[in-house]
Amino acid sequence: MQFLRYLFGIIIHLDLISAMLVLLACITYFRTSRKKGRKLLLFSLVSFFIIHFSPFSRVMLYQLEHRFHQETELPGDAKGLILLGGSFSLLESKSSKGRPVYNLAAGRVIEFISLARRYPHLPILFTGAPIEVELTKKLFDEMGIDPARVTFEGESRNTFDNANNSYKLIQPKPEDKWALVTSAFHMPRSMGLFRGVGWNVTAYPVDYHIASLSLSKLISGMLDRQNSIAWRVITSEWASLFNNYISGKSPEFFPR
């Protein structure tokens, strides 16, 4: 398991590593061995191209985001709404005098507020880190969400904690179906972990980043400066899917 952690860490940070290898290859070529330098340069340039210019990251991100159908309505038998933390930049929010600083998953909480207003009769569970609970309480209050509807779980460090701590807090019946709301790319991992602890959850993915795939979009996306961010997202998610499955936390590798 320790080996896999190191391996996944290298893959996730390959965008930075490949750039450093280009420099190392040049030094090796001119200072040590031209043959070794060429081989290292070829590997680093191929890695750099795959991460920053190829459609690979966008295709894999699309697979994550569209694993579950994009819903427009909740099931009629839904018992409540679950919102996962992850919309705030925690480090920046700590120094922002109580105002939230959002990250690239901000659409998660924004779309959830719209959903909560459409279904005012459903209870809400928010699960995240302590500072996320503070920020979300203020945000819900400003947006007119009745605090009596909301239960906060604020001791989670990761998605497994979200699932496990929330289940212990709510203790839902097996037949109680809750709608799980999180970013679309994060939904497969979340569904696997929530199902793994016994939650009867239905997926309500939000915060999409790739609506569809086409040749023109893939070509134009080759120059997108956010490709390296997409690489970090997909490698982290796919590595977590694999780890959760082999560790028994998720009943499926790629939940449906």
C-alpha atoms as a PDB file:
ATOM      1  CA  MET A   1       0.000   0.000   0.000  1.00  0.00           C
ATOM      2  CA  GLN A   2       2.867   2.367   0.802  1.00  0.00           C
ATOM      3  CA  PHE A   3       4.342   1.715  -2.658  1.00  0.00           C
ATOM      4  CA  LEU A   4       1.009   2.579  -4.275  1.00  0.00           C
ATOM      5  CA  ARG A   5       0.858   5.853  -2.350  1.00  0.00           C
ATOM      6  CA  TYR A   6       4.277   6.848  -3.651  1.00  0.00           C
ATOM      7  CA  LEU A   7       3.343   5.746  -7.169  1.00  0.00           C
ATOM      8  CA  PHE A   8       0.069   7.681  -7.160  1.00  0.00           C
ATOM      9  CA  GLY A   9       1.876  10.697  -5.715  1.00  0.00           C
ATOM     10  CA  ILE A  10       4.337  10.667  -8.612  1.00  0.00           C
ATOM     11  CA  ILE A  11       1.566  10.290 -11.197  1.00  0.00           C
ATOM     12  CA  ILE A  12      -0.561  13.071  -9.683  1.00  0.00           C
ATOM     13  CA  HIS A  13       2.396  15.483  -9.655  1.00  0.00           C
ATOM     14  CA  LEU A  14       3.751  14.374 -13.018  1.00  0.00           C
ATOM     15  CA  ASP A  15       2.956  17.803 -14.476  1.00  0.00           C
ATOM     16  CA  LEU A  16       5.626  19.363 -12.273  1.00  0.00           C
ATOM     17  CA  ILE A  17       7.956  16.378 -12.430  1.00  0.00           C
ATOM     18  CA  SER A  18       7.945  16.317 -16.244  1.00  0.00           C
ATOM     19  CA  ALA A  19       8.913  20.009 -16.373  1.00  0.00           C
ATOM     20  CA  MET A  20      11.788  19.351 -13.958  1.00  0.00           C
ATOM     21  CA  LEU A  21      12.871  16.337 -16.014  1.00  0.00           C
ATOM     22  CA  VAL A  22      13.184  18.494 -19.129  1.00  0.00           C
ATOM     23  CA  LEU A  23      15.745  20.617 -17.298  1.00  0.00           C
ATOM     24  CA  LEU A  24      17.492  17.537 -15.907  1.00  0.00           C
ATOM     25  CA  ALA A  25      17.615  15.971 -19.394  1.00  0.00           C
ATOM     26  CA  CYS A  26      19.296  19.064 -20.814  1.00  0.00           C
ATOM     27  CA  ILE A  27      21.886  19.039 -18.033  1.00  0.00           C
ATOM     28  CA  THR A  28      22.497  15.320 -18.547  1.00  0.00           C
ATOM     29  CA  TYR A  29      22.820  15.749 -22.318  1.00  0.00           C
ATOM     30  CA  PHE A  30      25.438  18.485 -22.123  1.00  0.00           C
ATOM     31  CA  ARG A  31      27.266  17.465 -18.942  1.00  0.00           C
ATOM     32  CA  THR A  32      27.148  13.666 -18.640  1.00  0.00           C
ATOM     33  CA  SER A  33      25.763  11.475 -21.413  1.00  0.00           C
ATOM     34  CA  ARG A  34      24.053  12.478 -24.621  1.00  0.00           C
ATOM     35  CA  LYS A  35      22.420   9.054 -24.952  1.00  0.00           C
ATOM     36  CA  LYS A  36      20.900   9.165 -21.469  1.00  0.00           C
ATOM     37  CA  GLY A  37      19.997  12.798 -21.973  1.00  0.00           C
ATOM     38  CA  ARG A  38      18.045  12.026 -25.162  1.00  0.00           C
ATOM     39  CA  LYS A  39      16.119   9.188 -23.500  1.00  0.00           C
ATOM     40  CA  LEU A  40      15.263  11.301 -20.489  1.00  0.00           C
ATOM     41  CA  LEU A  41      14.295  14.234 -22.694  1.00  0.00           C
ATOM     42  CA  LEU A  42      12.024  12.025 -24.814  1.00  0.00           C
ATOM     43  CA  PHE A  43      10.226  10.662 -21.731  1.00  0.00           C
ATOM     44  CA  SER A  44       9.821  14.083 -20.153  1.00  0.00           C
ATOM     45  CA  LEU A  45       8.571  15.714 -23.362  1.00  0.00           C
ATOM     46  CA  VAL A  46       6.050  12.931 -23.992  1.00  0.00           C
ATOM     47  CA  SER A  47       4.777  13.233 -20.415  1.00  0.00           C
ATOM     48  CA  PHE A  48       4.641  17.013 -20.700  1.00  0.00           C
ATOM     49  CA  PHE A  49       2.685  16.782 -23.975  1.00  0.00           C
ATOM     50  CA  ILE A  50       0.164  14.258 -22.605  1.00  0.00           C
ATOM     51  CA  ILE A  51      -0.542  16.417 -19.560  1.00  0.00           C
ATOM     52  CA  HIS A  52      -0.576  19.898 -21.069  1.00  0.00           C
ATOM     53  CA  PHE A  53      -1.571  19.488 -24.720  1.00  0.00           C
ATOM     54  CA  SER A  54      -3.241  16.121 -25.378  1.00  0.00           C
ATOM     55  CA  PRO A  55      -7.018  15.544 -24.939  1.00  0.00           C
ATOM     56  CA  PHE A  56      -6.318  12.737 -22.451  1.00  0.00           C
ATOM     57  CA  SER A  57      -7.153  14.725 -19.302  1.00  0.00           C
ATOM     58  CA  ARG A  58     -10.366  16.119 -20.777  1.00  0.00           C
ATOM     59  CA  VAL A  59     -11.552  12.703 -21.946  1.00  0.00           C
ATOM     60  CA  MET A  60     -10.900  11.115 -18.554  1.00  0.00           C
ATOM     61  CA  LEU A  61     -12.539  14.033 -16.747  1.00  0.00           C
ATOM     62  CA  TYR A  62     -15.592  13.629 -18.978  1.00  0.00           C
ATOM     63  CA  GLN A  63     -15.794   9.923 -18.015  1.00  0.00           C
ATOM     64  CA  LEU A  64     -15.869  10.868 -14.341  1.00  0.00           C
ATOM     65  CA  GLU A  65     -18.389  13.681 -14.728  1.00  0.00           C
ATOM     66  CA  HIS A  66     -20.850  11.691 -16.842  1.00  0.00           C
ATOM     67  CA  ARG A  67     -20.714   8.375 -15.006  1.00  0.00           C
ATOM     68  CA  PHE A  68     -24.006   9.361 -13.356  1.00  0.00           C
ATOM     69  CA  HIS A  69     -26.866  10.948 -15.242  1.00  0.00           C
ATOM     70  CA  GLN A  70     -27.326  14.698 -14.813  1.00  0.00           C
ATOM     71  CA  GLU A  71     -30.634  14.992 -12.985  1.00  0.00           C
ATOM     72  CA  THR A  72     -33.152  17.824 -13.165  1.00  0.00           C
ATOM     73  CA  GLU A  73     -35.548  16.570 -10.482  1.00  0.00           C
ATOM     74  CA  LEU A  74     -35.169  14.661  -7.243  1.00  0.00           C
ATOM     75  CA  PRO A  75     -36.841  11.264  -6.728  1.00  0.00           C
ATOM     76  CA  GLY A  76     -40.298  11.619  -5.207  1.00  0.00           C
ATOM     77  CA  ASP A  77     -39.271   9.469  -2.231  1.00  0.00           C
ATOM     78  CA  ALA A  78     -36.146  11.464  -1.343  1.00  0.00           C
ATOM     79  CA  LYS A  79     -35.813  11.900   2.423  1.00  0.00           C
ATOM     80  CA  GLY A  80     -33.147  14.597   2.462  1.00  0.00           C
ATOM     81  CA  LEU A  81     -30.229  16.372   0.806  1.00  0.00           C
ATOM     82  CA  ILE A  82     -26.538  15.786   1.507  1.00  0.00           C
ATOM     83  CA  LEU A  83     -23.987  18.438   0.516  1.00  0.00           C
ATOM     84  CA  LEU A  84     -20.288  17.608   0.642  1.00  0.00           C
ATOM     85  CA  GLY A  85     -17.738  20.267   1.508  1.00  0.00           C
ATOM     86  CA  GLY A  86     -15.030  21.187  -0.945  1.00  0.00           C
ATOM     87  CA  SER A  87     -16.242  24.493  -2.412  1.00  0.00           C
ATOM     88  CA  PHE A  88     -13.924  26.710  -0.372  1.00  0.00           C
ATOM     89  CA  SER A  89     -10.211  27.396  -0.423  1.00  0.00           C
ATOM     90  CA  LEU A  90      -9.566  26.623   3.236  1.00  0.00           C
ATOM     91  CA  LEU A  91      -6.167  28.286   3.527  1.00  0.00           C
ATOM     92  CA  GLU A  92      -7.335  31.527   1.932  1.00  0.00           C
ATOM     93  CA  SER A  93     -10.662  31.503   3.791  1.00  0.00           C
ATOM     94  CA  LYS A  94      -8.864  31.365   7.146  1.00  0.00           C
ATOM     95  CA  SER A  95      -7.263  34.736   6.444  1.00  0.00           C
ATOM     96  CA  SER A  96     -10.244  36.404   4.760  1.00  0.00           C
ATOM     97  CA  LYS A  97     -11.912  37.823   7.892  1.00  0.00           C
ATOM     98  CA  GLY A  98     -14.808  35.390   7.819  1.00  0.00           C
ATOM     99  CA  ARG A  99     -15.671  35.730   4.143  1.00  0.00           C
ATOM    100  CA  PRO A 100     -15.533  32.582   2.001  1.00  0.00           C
ATOM    101  CA  VAL A 101     -12.868  32.249  -0.657  1.00  0.00           C
ATOM    102  CA  TYR A 102     -14.085  29.824  -3.312  1.00  0.00           C
ATOM    103  CA  ASN A 103     -12.113  27.328  -5.355  1.00  0.00           C
ATOM    104  CA  LEU A 104     -12.849  25.745  -8.754  1.00  0.00           C
ATOM    105  CA  ALA A 105     -15.590  23.585  -7.192  1.00  0.00           C
ATOM    106  CA  ALA A 106     -17.631  26.610  -6.084  1.00  0.00           C
ATOM    107  CA  GLY A 107     -20.487  25.504  -8.335  1.00  0.00           C
ATOM    108  CA  ARG A 108     -21.110  22.699  -5.858  1.00  0.00           C
ATOM    109  CA  VAL A 109     -22.538  24.907  -3.114  1.00  0.00           C
ATOM    110  CA  ILE A 110     -24.089  27.431  -5.513  1.00  0.00           C
ATOM    111  CA  GLU A 111     -26.176  24.812  -7.293  1.00  0.00           C
ATOM    112  CA  PHE A 112     -27.036  23.149  -3.997  1.00  0.00           C
ATOM    113  CA  ILE A 113     -28.601  26.353  -2.655  1.00  0.00           C
ATOM    114  CA  SER A 114     -30.810  26.512  -5.744  1.00  0.00           C
ATOM    115  CA  LEU A 115     -31.816  22.876  -5.218  1.00  0.00           C
ATOM    116  CA  ALA A 116     -32.547  23.426  -1.510  1.00  0.00           C
ATOM    117  CA  ARG A 117     -34.861  26.316  -2.354  1.00  0.00           C
ATOM    118  CA  ARG A 118     -36.783  24.165  -4.826  1.00  0.00           C
ATOM    119  CA  TYR A 119     -37.358  21.493  -2.160  1.00  0.00           C
ATOM    120  CA  PRO A 120     -37.938  23.491   1.060  1.00  0.00           C
ATOM    121  CA  HIS A 121     -39.558  20.516   2.808  1.00  0.00           C
ATOM    122  CA  LEU A 122     -36.430  18.338   2.727  1.00  0.00           C
ATOM    123  CA  PRO A 123     -33.897  18.286   5.583  1.00  0.00           C
ATOM    124  CA  ILE A 124     -30.292  19.123   4.751  1.00  0.00           C
ATOM    125  CA  LEU A 125     -27.060  17.529   5.903  1.00  0.00           C
ATOM    126  CA  PHE A 126     -23.767  19.354   5.329  1.00  0.00           C
ATOM    127  CA  THR A 127     -20.530  17.455   5.946  1.00  0.00           C
ATOM    128  CA  GLY A 128     -17.020  18.880   5.840  1.00  0.00           C
ATOM    129  CA  ALA A 129     -14.159  20.363   7.835  1.00  0.00           C
ATOM    130  CA  PRO A 130     -14.804  22.696  10.807  1.00  0.00           C
ATOM    131  CA  ILE A 131     -14.036  25.899   8.889  1.00  0.00           C
ATOM    132  CA  GLU A 132     -16.303  24.745   6.053  1.00  0.00           C
ATOM    133  CA  VAL A 133     -19.149  24.371   8.533  1.00  0.00           C
ATOM    134  CA  GLU A 134     -18.630  27.959   9.755  1.00  0.00           C
ATOM    135  CA  LEU A 135     -18.539  29.350   6.222  1.00  0.00           C
ATOM    136  CA  THR A 136     -21.528  27.322   5.084  1.00  0.00           C
ATOM    137  CA  LYS A 137     -23.628  28.389   8.080  1.00  0.00           C
ATOM    138  CA  LYS A 138     -23.044  32.038   7.176  1.00  0.00           C
ATOM    139  CA  LEU A 139     -23.704  31.403   3.499  1.00  0.00           C
ATOM    140  CA  PHE A 140     -26.939  29.501   4.133  1.00  0.00           C
ATOM    141  CA  ASP A 141     -28.119  32.236   6.465  1.00  0.00           C
ATOM    142  CA  GLU A 142     -27.403  34.943   3.879  1.00  0.00           C
ATOM    143  CA  MET A 143     -29.178  32.927   1.187  1.00  0.00           C
ATOM    144  CA  GLY A 144     -32.298  32.390   3.266  1.00  0.00           C
ATOM    145  CA  ILE A 145     -31.910  28.682   4.035  1.00  0.00           C
ATOM    146  CA  ASP A 146     -33.844  27.873   7.222  1.00  0.00           C
ATOM    147  CA  PRO A 147     -31.254  26.776   9.831  1.00  0.00           C
ATOM    148  CA  ALA A 148     -33.825  24.435  11.367  1.00  0.00           C
ATOM    149  CA  ARG A 149     -33.546  22.281   8.238  1.00  0.00           C
ATOM    150  CA  VAL A 150     -29.777  21.839   8.448  1.00  0.00           C
ATOM    151  CA  THR A 151     -27.626  19.354  10.336  1.00  0.00           C
ATOM    152  CA  PHE A 152     -23.882  20.049  10.251  1.00  0.00           C
ATOM    153  CA  GLU A 153     -21.146  17.437  10.517  1.00  0.00           C
ATOM    154  CA  GLY A 154     -17.784  19.171  10.893  1.00  0.00           C
ATOM    155  CA  GLU A 155     -15.165  16.555  11.767  1.00  0.00           C
ATOM    156  CA  SER A 156     -14.420  15.167   8.302  1.00  0.00           C
ATOM    157  CA  ARG A 157     -10.973  15.255   6.713  1.00  0.00           C
ATOM    158  CA  ASN A 158     -11.823  13.355   3.529  1.00  0.00           C
ATOM    159  CA  THR A 159     -14.701  11.807   1.589  1.00  0.00           C
ATOM    160  CA  PHE A 160     -14.637   8.576   3.577  1.00  0.00           C
ATOM    161  CA  ASP A 161     -15.079  10.616   6.769  1.00  0.00           C
ATOM    162  CA  ASN A 162     -17.946  12.480   5.073  1.00  0.00           C
ATOM    163  CA  ALA A 163     -19.728   9.183   4.461  1.00  0.00           C
ATOM    164  CA  ASN A 164     -18.901   7.438   7.725  1.00  0.00           C
ATOM    165  CA  ASN A 165     -19.420  10.365  10.121  1.00  0.00           C
ATOM    166  CA  SER A 166     -22.638  11.421   8.428  1.00  0.00           C
ATOM    167  CA  TYR A 167     -24.078   7.926   8.555  1.00  0.00           C
ATOM    168  CA  LYS A 168     -23.364   7.674  12.279  1.00  0.00           C
ATOM    169  CA  LEU A 169     -24.881  11.114  12.868  1.00  0.00           C
ATOM    170  CA  ILE A 170     -28.114  10.615  10.900  1.00  0.00           C
ATOM    171  CA  GLN A 171     -28.511   6.840  11.318  1.00  0.00           C
ATOM    172  CA  PRO A 172     -30.851   6.574   8.311  1.00  0.00           C
ATOM    173  CA  LYS A 173     -33.106   3.595   7.815  1.00  0.00           C
ATOM    174  CA  PRO A 174     -32.165   1.270   4.919  1.00  0.00           C
ATOM    175  CA  GLU A 175     -35.215   2.389   2.946  1.00  0.00           C
ATOM    176  CA  ASP A 176     -34.519   6.115   3.432  1.00  0.00           C
ATOM    177  CA  LYS A 177     -33.169   7.526   0.177  1.00  0.00           C
ATOM    178  CA  TRP A 178     -31.026  10.667   0.419  1.00  0.00           C
ATOM    179  CA  ALA A 179     -29.846  12.754  -2.519  1.00  0.00           C
ATOM    180  CA  LEU A 180     -26.065  13.134  -2.561  1.00  0.00           C
ATOM    181  CA  VAL A 181     -24.917  16.455  -4.043  1.00  0.00           C
ATOM    182  CA  THR A 182     -21.307  17.027  -5.047  1.00  0.00           C
ATOM    183  CA  SER A 183     -19.227  18.015  -8.072  1.00  0.00           C
ATOM    184  CA  ALA A 184     -19.784  15.688 -11.020  1.00  0.00           C
ATOM    185  CA  PHE A 185     -16.114  14.625 -11.193  1.00  0.00           C
ATOM    186  CA  HIS A 186     -16.257  13.713  -7.496  1.00  0.00           C
ATOM    187  CA  MET A 187     -19.521  11.758  -7.707  1.00  0.00           C
ATOM    188  CA  PRO A 188     -18.208   8.241  -8.568  1.00  0.00           C
ATOM    189  CA  ARG A 189     -15.826   8.216  -5.599  1.00  0.00           C
ATOM    190  CA  SER A 190     -18.464   9.684  -3.276  1.00  0.00           C
ATOM    191  CA  MET A 191     -21.168   7.213  -4.296  1.00  0.00           C
ATOM    192  CA  GLY A 192     -18.831   4.274  -3.739  1.00  0.00           C
ATOM    193  CA  LEU A 193     -17.870   5.414  -0.253  1.00  0.00           C
ATOM    194  CA  PHE A 194     -21.398   6.354   0.845  1.00  0.00           C
ATOM    195  CA  ARG A 195     -22.753   3.019  -0.400  1.00  0.00           C
ATOM    196  CA  GLY A 196     -19.871   1.288   1.338  1.00  0.00           C
ATOM    197  CA  VAL A 197     -20.935   2.516   4.792  1.00  0.00           C
ATOM    198  CA  GLY A 198     -24.610   1.685   4.191  1.00  0.00           C
ATOM    199  CA  TRP A 199     -26.134   4.931   2.902  1.00  0.00           C
ATOM    200  CA  ASN A 200     -29.026   4.548   0.470  1.00  0.00           C
ATOM    201  CA  VAL A 201     -28.023   7.489  -1.719  1.00  0.00           C
ATOM    202  CA  THR A 202     -29.043   8.677  -5.149  1.00  0.00           C
ATOM    203  CA  ALA A 203     -26.631  10.793  -7.184  1.00  0.00           C
ATOM    204  CA  TYR A 204     -27.381  14.439  -7.965  1.00  0.00           C
ATOM    205  CA  PRO A 205     -24.180  15.641  -9.676  1.00  0.00           C
ATOM    206  CA  VAL A 206     -23.588  19.382 -10.129  1.00  0.00           C
ATOM    207  CA  ASP A 207     -20.668  21.676 -10.982  1.00  0.00           C
ATOM    208  CA  TYR A 208     -19.840  20.283 -14.429  1.00  0.00           C
ATOM    209  CA  HIS A 209     -16.666  21.372 -16.230  1.00  0.00           C
ATOM    210  CA  ILE A 210     -17.044  19.452 -19.508  1.00  0.00           C
ATOM    211  CA  ALA A 211     -20.577  19.374 -20.887  1.00  0.00           C
ATOM    212  CA  SER A 212     -19.802  17.313 -23.996  1.00  0.00           C
ATOM    213  CA  LEU A 213     -16.969  15.958 -26.126  1.00  0.00           C
ATOM    214  CA  SER A 214     -16.386  16.739 -29.784  1.00  0.00           C
ATOM    215  CA  LEU A 215     -13.363  16.828 -32.052  1.00  0.00           C
ATOM    216  CA  SER A 216     -13.413  20.628 -32.215  1.00  0.00           C
ATOM    217  CA  LYS A 217     -13.578  20.908 -28.409  1.00  0.00           C
ATOM    218  CA  LEU A 218     -10.740  18.437 -27.971  1.00  0.00           C
ATOM    219  CA  ILE A 219      -8.575  20.363 -30.429  1.00  0.00           C
ATOM    220  CA  SER A 220      -9.327  23.765 -28.898  1.00  0.00           C
ATOM    221  CA  GLY A 221      -8.818  22.272 -25.436  1.00  0.00           C
ATOM    222  CA  MET A 222      -5.197  21.443 -26.302  1.00  0.00           C
ATOM    223  CA  LEU A 223      -4.328  25.067 -25.599  1.00  0.00           C
ATOM    224  CA  ASP A 224      -6.369  25.313 -22.396  1.00  0.00           C
ATOM    225  CA  ARG A 225      -4.185  26.531 -19.539  1.00  0.00           C
ATOM    226  CA  GLN A 226      -6.277  24.486 -17.104  1.00  0.00           C
ATOM    227  CA  ASN A 227      -5.176  21.136 -18.571  1.00  0.00           C
ATOM    228  CA  SER A 228      -2.648  20.692 -15.769  1.00  0.00           C
ATOM    229  CA  ILE A 229      -5.433  21.244 -13.222  1.00  0.00           C
ATOM    230  CA  ALA A 230      -7.563  18.650 -15.013  1.00  0.00           C
ATOM    231  CA  TRP A 231      -4.613  16.249 -14.814  1.00  0.00           C
ATOM    232  CA  ARG A 232      -4.394  16.690 -11.030  1.00  0.00           C
ATOM    233  CA  VAL A 233      -8.143  16.147 -10.687  1.00  0.00           C
ATOM    234  CA  ILE A 234      -8.384  12.984 -12.791  1.00  0.00           C
ATOM    235  CA  THR A 235      -5.286  11.301 -11.394  1.00  0.00           C
ATOM    236  CA  SER A 236      -6.367  12.033  -7.830  1.00  0.00           C
ATOM    237  CA  GLU A 237      -9.907  10.758  -8.454  1.00  0.00           C
ATOM    238  CA  TRP A 238      -8.882   7.602 -10.334  1.00  0.00           C
ATOM    239  CA  ALA A 239      -6.193   6.797  -7.778  1.00  0.00           C
ATOM    240  CA  SER A 240      -8.756   7.207  -4.982  1.00  0.00           C
ATOM    241  CA  LEU A 241     -11.266   4.998  -6.808  1.00  0.00           C
ATOM    242  CA  PHE A 242      -8.646   2.255  -7.050  1.00  0.00           C
ATOM    243  CA  ASN A 243      -7.502   2.652  -3.448  1.00  0.00           C
ATOM    244  CA  ASN A 244     -11.058   2.683  -2.058  1.00  0.00           C
ATOM    245  CA  TYR A 245     -11.915  -0.497  -3.942  1.00  0.00           C
ATOM    246  CA  ILE A 246      -8.858  -2.551  -2.973  1.00  0.00           C
ATOM    247  CA  SER A 247      -9.136  -1.390   0.657  1.00  0.00           C
ATOM    248  CA  GLY A 248     -12.793  -2.488   0.829  1.00  0.00           C
ATOM    249  CA  LYS A 249     -14.192   0.988   1.460  1.00  0.00           C
ATOM    250  CA  SER A 250     -16.137   0.934  -1.809  1.00  0.00           C
ATOM    251  CA  PRO A 251     -18.056  -2.108  -3.134  1.00  0.00           C
ATOM    252  CA  GLU A 252     -17.244  -1.123  -6.735  1.00  0.00           C
ATOM    253  CA  PHE A 253     -14.143   0.190  -8.481  1.00  0.00           C
ATOM    254  CA  PHE A 254     -16.104   2.555 -10.741  1.00  0.00           C
ATOM    255  CA  PRO A 255     -19.569   2.877  -9.170  1.00  0.00           C
ATOM    256  CA  ARG A 256     -22.589   3.029 -11.465  1.00  0.00           C
END
